[in-house]
Amino acid sequence: MSLNPGHYKLEVWQEAMRLVRRVYVVSEQMPDKERFGLQTQLRRAAISVPSNIAEGAARGGKIEYALSTDSPGFSHGTGYATLAVSGPWVLRL
């Protein structure tokens, strides 16, 4: 395992990591009743984006990379749906 994975240099991965940090900061301000609901789901959706990018980059080939980043599933579908119902916290992202 490389100590300096190639995906660290990708702008898309860096932007995805910034999104994760923003989601964590904003979701921390959610009421306690959302701690195990929207907060957890938003965080998992955000984390799945850079995770899928890193996984695709580790596969090495262009086709494998494209396939792993084309349809991350949870991050696209559930993430957007979760944002849509999360109320005023979305505006802080």
C-alpha atoms as a PDB file:
ATOM      1  CA  MET A   1       0.000   0.000   0.000  1.00  0.00           C
ATOM      2  CA  SER A   2       1.370   3.371  -1.013  1.00  0.00           C
ATOM      3  CA  LEU A   3       1.837   6.037   1.622  1.00  0.00           C
ATOM      4  CA  ASN A   4       0.992   8.701  -0.963  1.00  0.00           C
ATOM      5  CA  PRO A   5      -1.987   7.467  -2.982  1.00  0.00           C
ATOM      6  CA  GLY A   6      -2.476   9.097  -6.365  1.00  0.00           C
ATOM      7  CA  HIS A   7      -6.022  10.227  -5.658  1.00  0.00           C
ATOM      8  CA  TYR A   8      -4.731  12.804  -3.140  1.00  0.00           C
ATOM      9  CA  LYS A   9      -3.654  14.919  -6.116  1.00  0.00           C
ATOM     10  CA  LEU A  10      -7.029  14.824  -7.863  1.00  0.00           C
ATOM     11  CA  GLU A  11      -8.956  18.085  -7.581  1.00  0.00           C
ATOM     12  CA  VAL A  12     -12.233  16.197  -7.463  1.00  0.00           C
ATOM     13  CA  TRP A  13     -11.052  14.194  -4.439  1.00  0.00           C
ATOM     14  CA  GLN A  14      -9.845  17.345  -2.672  1.00  0.00           C
ATOM     15  CA  GLU A  15     -13.186  19.037  -3.323  1.00  0.00           C
ATOM     16  CA  ALA A  16     -15.023  15.960  -2.043  1.00  0.00           C
ATOM     17  CA  MET A  17     -12.981  16.105   1.168  1.00  0.00           C
ATOM     18  CA  ARG A  18     -13.918  19.775   1.590  1.00  0.00           C
ATOM     19  CA  LEU A  19     -17.558  18.744   1.201  1.00  0.00           C
ATOM     20  CA  VAL A  20     -17.131  16.125   3.936  1.00  0.00           C
ATOM     21  CA  ARG A  21     -15.691  18.721   6.310  1.00  0.00           C
ATOM     22  CA  ARG A  22     -18.514  21.167   5.560  1.00  0.00           C
ATOM     23  CA  VAL A  23     -21.173  18.495   6.051  1.00  0.00           C
ATOM     24  CA  TYR A  24     -19.661  17.527   9.415  1.00  0.00           C
ATOM     25  CA  VAL A  25     -19.554  21.158  10.595  1.00  0.00           C
ATOM     26  CA  VAL A  26     -23.080  21.949   9.452  1.00  0.00           C
ATOM     27  CA  SER A  27     -24.608  18.688  10.637  1.00  0.00           C
ATOM     28  CA  GLU A  28     -23.108  19.223  14.094  1.00  0.00           C
ATOM     29  CA  GLN A  29     -25.537  22.129  14.436  1.00  0.00           C
ATOM     30  CA  MET A  30     -28.577  19.926  13.852  1.00  0.00           C
ATOM     31  CA  PRO A  31     -30.870  19.274  16.799  1.00  0.00           C
ATOM     32  CA  ASP A  32     -30.177  16.211  18.938  1.00  0.00           C
ATOM     33  CA  LYS A  33     -33.284  14.495  17.603  1.00  0.00           C
ATOM     34  CA  GLU A  34     -31.560  14.295  14.196  1.00  0.00           C
ATOM     35  CA  ARG A  35     -28.333  12.756  15.537  1.00  0.00           C
ATOM     36  CA  PHE A  36     -29.214   9.217  14.440  1.00  0.00           C
ATOM     37  CA  GLY A  37     -31.324  10.225  11.469  1.00  0.00           C
ATOM     38  CA  LEU A  38     -30.470  12.954   9.022  1.00  0.00           C
ATOM     39  CA  GLN A  39     -27.099  13.781  10.591  1.00  0.00           C
ATOM     40  CA  THR A  40     -25.778  10.256  10.254  1.00  0.00           C
ATOM     41  CA  GLN A  41     -27.212   9.790   6.775  1.00  0.00           C
ATOM     42  CA  LEU A  42     -25.783  13.085   5.490  1.00  0.00           C
ATOM     43  CA  ARG A  43     -22.352  12.237   6.855  1.00  0.00           C
ATOM     44  CA  ARG A  44     -22.336   8.761   5.339  1.00  0.00           C
ATOM     45  CA  ALA A  45     -23.458  10.131   1.973  1.00  0.00           C
ATOM     46  CA  ALA A  46     -20.712  12.772   2.040  1.00  0.00           C
ATOM     47  CA  ILE A  47     -18.013  10.269   2.995  1.00  0.00           C
ATOM     48  CA  SER A  48     -19.026   7.922   0.202  1.00  0.00           C
ATOM     49  CA  VAL A  49     -18.048  10.478  -2.457  1.00  0.00           C
ATOM     50  CA  PRO A  50     -14.272  10.649  -1.743  1.00  0.00           C
ATOM     51  CA  SER A  51     -14.332   6.957  -0.862  1.00  0.00           C
ATOM     52  CA  ASN A  52     -15.614   6.051  -4.320  1.00  0.00           C
ATOM     53  CA  ILE A  53     -13.055   8.337  -5.960  1.00  0.00           C
ATOM     54  CA  ALA A  54     -10.216   6.755  -3.978  1.00  0.00           C
ATOM     55  CA  GLU A  55     -11.462   3.256  -4.768  1.00  0.00           C
ATOM     56  CA  GLY A  56     -11.637   4.022  -8.469  1.00  0.00           C
ATOM     57  CA  ALA A  57      -8.178   5.579  -8.486  1.00  0.00           C
ATOM     58  CA  ALA A  58      -6.734   2.537  -6.720  1.00  0.00           C
ATOM     59  CA  ARG A  59      -8.057   0.225  -9.432  1.00  0.00           C
ATOM     60  CA  GLY A  60      -5.570   1.716 -11.834  1.00  0.00           C
ATOM     61  CA  GLY A  61      -7.348   1.480 -15.179  1.00  0.00           C
ATOM     62  CA  LYS A  62      -9.388   4.265 -16.749  1.00  0.00           C
ATOM     63  CA  ILE A  63     -12.406   2.034 -17.338  1.00  0.00           C
ATOM     64  CA  GLU A  64     -12.440   0.710 -13.769  1.00  0.00           C
ATOM     65  CA  TYR A  65     -12.045   4.242 -12.406  1.00  0.00           C
ATOM     66  CA  ALA A  66     -14.912   5.544 -14.525  1.00  0.00           C
ATOM     67  CA  LEU A  67     -17.177   2.687 -13.480  1.00  0.00           C
ATOM     68  CA  SER A  68     -16.510   3.188  -9.775  1.00  0.00           C
ATOM     69  CA  THR A  69     -17.144   6.945  -9.882  1.00  0.00           C
ATOM     70  CA  ASP A  70     -20.010   6.959 -12.387  1.00  0.00           C
ATOM     71  CA  SER A  71     -22.666   5.578 -10.066  1.00  0.00           C
ATOM     72  CA  PRO A  72     -21.728   5.796  -6.403  1.00  0.00           C
ATOM     73  CA  GLY A  73     -25.397   5.149  -5.626  1.00  0.00           C
ATOM     74  CA  PHE A  74     -25.797   6.171  -2.008  1.00  0.00           C
ATOM     75  CA  SER A  75     -23.997   9.476  -2.424  1.00  0.00           C
ATOM     76  CA  HIS A  76     -26.090  10.534  -5.419  1.00  0.00           C
ATOM     77  CA  GLY A  77     -29.578   9.239  -4.719  1.00  0.00           C
ATOM     78  CA  THR A  78     -29.863   9.098  -0.967  1.00  0.00           C
ATOM     79  CA  GLY A  79     -27.577  12.060  -0.439  1.00  0.00           C
ATOM     80  CA  TYR A  80     -29.723  14.398  -2.522  1.00  0.00           C
ATOM     81  CA  ALA A  81     -32.931  13.100  -0.994  1.00  0.00           C
ATOM     82  CA  THR A  82     -31.516  13.561   2.492  1.00  0.00           C
ATOM     83  CA  LEU A  83     -30.443  17.108   1.693  1.00  0.00           C
ATOM     84  CA  ALA A  84     -33.898  17.879   0.338  1.00  0.00           C
ATOM     85  CA  VAL A  85     -35.610  16.998   3.628  1.00  0.00           C
ATOM     86  CA  SER A  86     -32.963  18.301   6.010  1.00  0.00           C
ATOM     87  CA  GLY A  87     -34.440  21.775   6.154  1.00  0.00           C
ATOM     88  CA  PRO A  88     -32.467  24.950   6.880  1.00  0.00           C
ATOM     89  CA  TRP A  89     -29.134  23.134   7.356  1.00  0.00           C
ATOM     90  CA  VAL A  90     -28.845  22.701   3.591  1.00  0.00           C
ATOM     91  CA  LEU A  91     -28.510  26.445   3.173  1.00  0.00           C
ATOM     92  CA  ARG A  92     -25.371  26.439   5.335  1.00  0.00           C
ATOM     93  CA  LEU A  93     -23.457  24.083   3.029  1.00  0.00           C
END
